[in-house]
Protein backbone atom coordinates (compact mmCIF):
# COMPACT_ATOMS: atom_id res chain seq x y z
CA MET A 1 -18.29 11.12 -7.65
CA SER A 2 -14.80 12.54 -7.59
CA TYR A 3 -11.88 11.32 -5.54
CA SER A 4 -10.09 13.74 -3.22
CA THR A 5 -6.44 13.07 -2.45
CA LYS A 6 -6.83 15.12 0.73
CA GLU A 7 -9.07 12.57 2.39
CA ILE A 8 -7.77 10.74 5.44
CA TRP A 9 -7.93 6.95 5.18
CA THR A 10 -7.82 4.82 8.29
CA PRO A 11 -7.54 1.06 8.75
CA ILE A 12 -10.99 -0.47 8.52
CA ALA A 13 -10.10 -4.09 9.11
CA ARG A 14 -7.32 -6.01 10.81
CA GLU A 15 -7.25 -9.80 10.57
CA ALA A 16 -4.75 -12.30 12.00
CA HIS A 17 -3.81 -15.62 10.39
CA ASP A 18 -1.71 -17.95 12.54
CA SER A 19 0.57 -20.77 11.35
CA VAL A 20 0.05 -20.32 7.60
CA ALA A 21 1.78 -23.24 5.87
CA ASP A 22 4.45 -22.81 3.20
CA ASP A 23 2.86 -22.03 -0.19
CA ALA A 24 -0.65 -22.33 1.31
CA THR A 25 -3.68 -20.09 0.74
CA THR A 26 -6.05 -19.11 3.53
CA THR A 27 -9.78 -19.77 3.28
CA ILE A 28 -11.70 -16.98 1.56
CA ALA A 29 -13.01 -14.59 4.23
CA PRO A 30 -15.03 -11.37 4.34
CA ILE A 31 -13.30 -8.09 5.12
CA ARG A 32 -14.65 -7.08 8.52
CA ALA A 33 -14.77 -3.73 10.25
CA LEU A 34 -12.54 -3.26 13.29
CA GLY A 35 -15.68 -3.46 15.45
CA GLY A 36 -16.80 -6.81 14.05
CA GLY A 37 -19.33 -6.93 11.20
CA ASN A 38 -18.72 -7.41 7.48
CA ILE A 39 -18.17 -4.33 5.33
CA PRO A 40 -21.30 -4.16 3.11
CA LYS A 41 -19.56 -2.14 0.34
CA GLY A 42 -16.84 0.45 0.08
CA LEU A 43 -13.76 1.96 -1.55
CA LEU A 44 -10.54 -0.05 -1.20
CA LEU A 45 -7.41 2.10 -1.08
CA GLY A 46 -4.74 -0.33 0.06
CA VAL A 47 -3.45 -3.18 2.14
CA GLN A 48 -0.67 -3.66 4.69
CA LEU A 49 0.75 -7.08 5.56
CA THR A 50 2.92 -8.00 8.52
CA VAL A 51 4.59 -11.38 9.11
CA ASN A 52 6.20 -12.55 12.35
CA ALA A 53 9.53 -13.35 10.60
CA SER A 54 10.83 -13.21 7.04
CA SER A 55 12.24 -16.50 5.80
CA GLY A 56 14.73 -15.13 3.32
CA GLY A 57 15.26 -13.95 -0.22
CA SER A 58 12.18 -15.35 -1.93
CA HIS A 59 9.59 -14.81 0.82
CA LYS A 60 6.50 -13.14 -0.61
CA ALA A 61 2.78 -13.14 0.03
CA ILE A 62 -0.12 -12.68 -2.38
CA VAL A 63 -3.23 -10.81 -1.27
CA LYS A 64 -6.33 -11.12 -3.43
CA VAL A 65 -9.54 -9.19 -2.84
CA TYR A 66 -12.77 -10.39 -4.44
CA SER A 67 -16.07 -8.63 -5.02
CA GLU A 68 -18.10 -11.62 -3.79
CA ALA A 69 -17.92 -14.75 -1.61
CA ALA A 70 -17.39 -17.23 -4.46
CA GLY A 71 -14.00 -15.68 -5.23
CA THR A 72 -14.73 -15.42 -8.94
CA TYR A 73 -14.22 -11.69 -9.51
CA ILE A 74 -10.80 -10.42 -8.41
CA VAL A 75 -10.61 -6.66 -7.80
CA LEU A 76 -7.08 -6.63 -6.35
CA ASP A 77 -4.21 -9.09 -6.81
CA GLU A 78 -0.99 -7.91 -5.15
CA THR A 79 2.27 -9.72 -4.45
CA LEU A 80 4.06 -8.23 -1.45
CA ASP A 81 7.79 -8.79 -0.95
CA LEU A 82 8.52 -9.74 2.67
CA ASN A 83 12.32 -9.83 2.48
CA PRO A 84 14.18 -8.34 4.25
CA ASN A 85 11.26 -6.48 5.86
CA THR A 86 8.54 -8.14 7.85
CA GLN A 87 5.97 -5.53 6.81
CA GLU A 88 4.93 -4.35 3.36
CA SER A 89 2.17 -2.05 2.14
CA LYS A 90 0.46 -1.36 -1.15
CA LEU A 91 -1.52 1.86 -1.59
CA LEU A 92 -3.41 2.37 -4.82
CA SER A 93 -3.30 5.60 -6.82
CA SER A 94 -7.13 5.54 -6.98
CA PRO A 95 -9.49 3.59 -4.74
CA ILE A 96 -11.34 0.56 -6.10
CA PRO A 97 -15.12 0.63 -5.57
CA ILE A 98 -16.62 -2.64 -4.35
CA PHE A 99 -20.44 -2.75 -4.36
CA GLY A 100 -20.93 -5.81 -2.20
CA THR A 101 -19.18 -7.36 0.78
CA PRO A 102 -15.50 -7.73 -0.19
CA TYR A 103 -13.69 -11.01 0.48
CA TYR A 104 -9.99 -11.86 0.48
CA THR A 105 -7.38 -14.61 0.53
CA LEU A 106 -3.74 -14.58 1.59
CA THR A 107 -1.17 -16.91 0.01
CA ASP A 108 2.25 -17.58 1.53
CA VAL A 109 4.99 -17.90 -1.12
CA SER A 110 8.26 -19.55 0.00
CA GLY A 111 7.63 -18.53 3.60
CA GLY A 112 8.94 -21.72 5.14
CA GLY A 113 5.66 -22.52 6.91
CA SER A 114 4.16 -21.73 10.31
CA LYS A 115 4.15 -17.97 9.67
CA ASN A 116 1.79 -15.65 11.50
CA TYR A 117 0.35 -12.86 9.35
CA THR A 118 -1.63 -9.74 10.19
CA ILE A 119 -3.41 -8.02 7.32
CA VAL A 120 -4.81 -4.49 7.46
CA PHE A 121 -7.17 -3.12 4.82
CA TYR A 122 -7.61 0.59 4.16
CA MET A 123 -11.22 1.08 3.08
CA LYS A 124 -13.92 3.67 3.26
CA PRO A 125 -17.33 2.09 3.79
CA LEU A 126 -20.13 3.35 1.52
CA ALA A 127 -23.70 3.91 2.66
């Protein structure tokens, strides 16, 4: 299967995390379609992260995507810089295939606590 750079990728999942503590990691969760259910498998192209307010020079967040619920096999590990912007994106040069339901965690790094995050995944589900 070849990858076409002319394909249009749309957000497949948007998840909100409220009041994430300073230097805390969210519970591992499945990537869900905008309509509700888990994505059974797909191609991951990127991620976009928005925070309600940046807390200064060292504010970052780490997004990890796993190929299974146990969180053993990491397929994406990205650190996003949230200073001075409150939104950061990472698009991959080639999509990552994930052949089971993908899961993710979000870690606040020097965010000062009580930050609200919204994470958007760009994925193409596979049949």
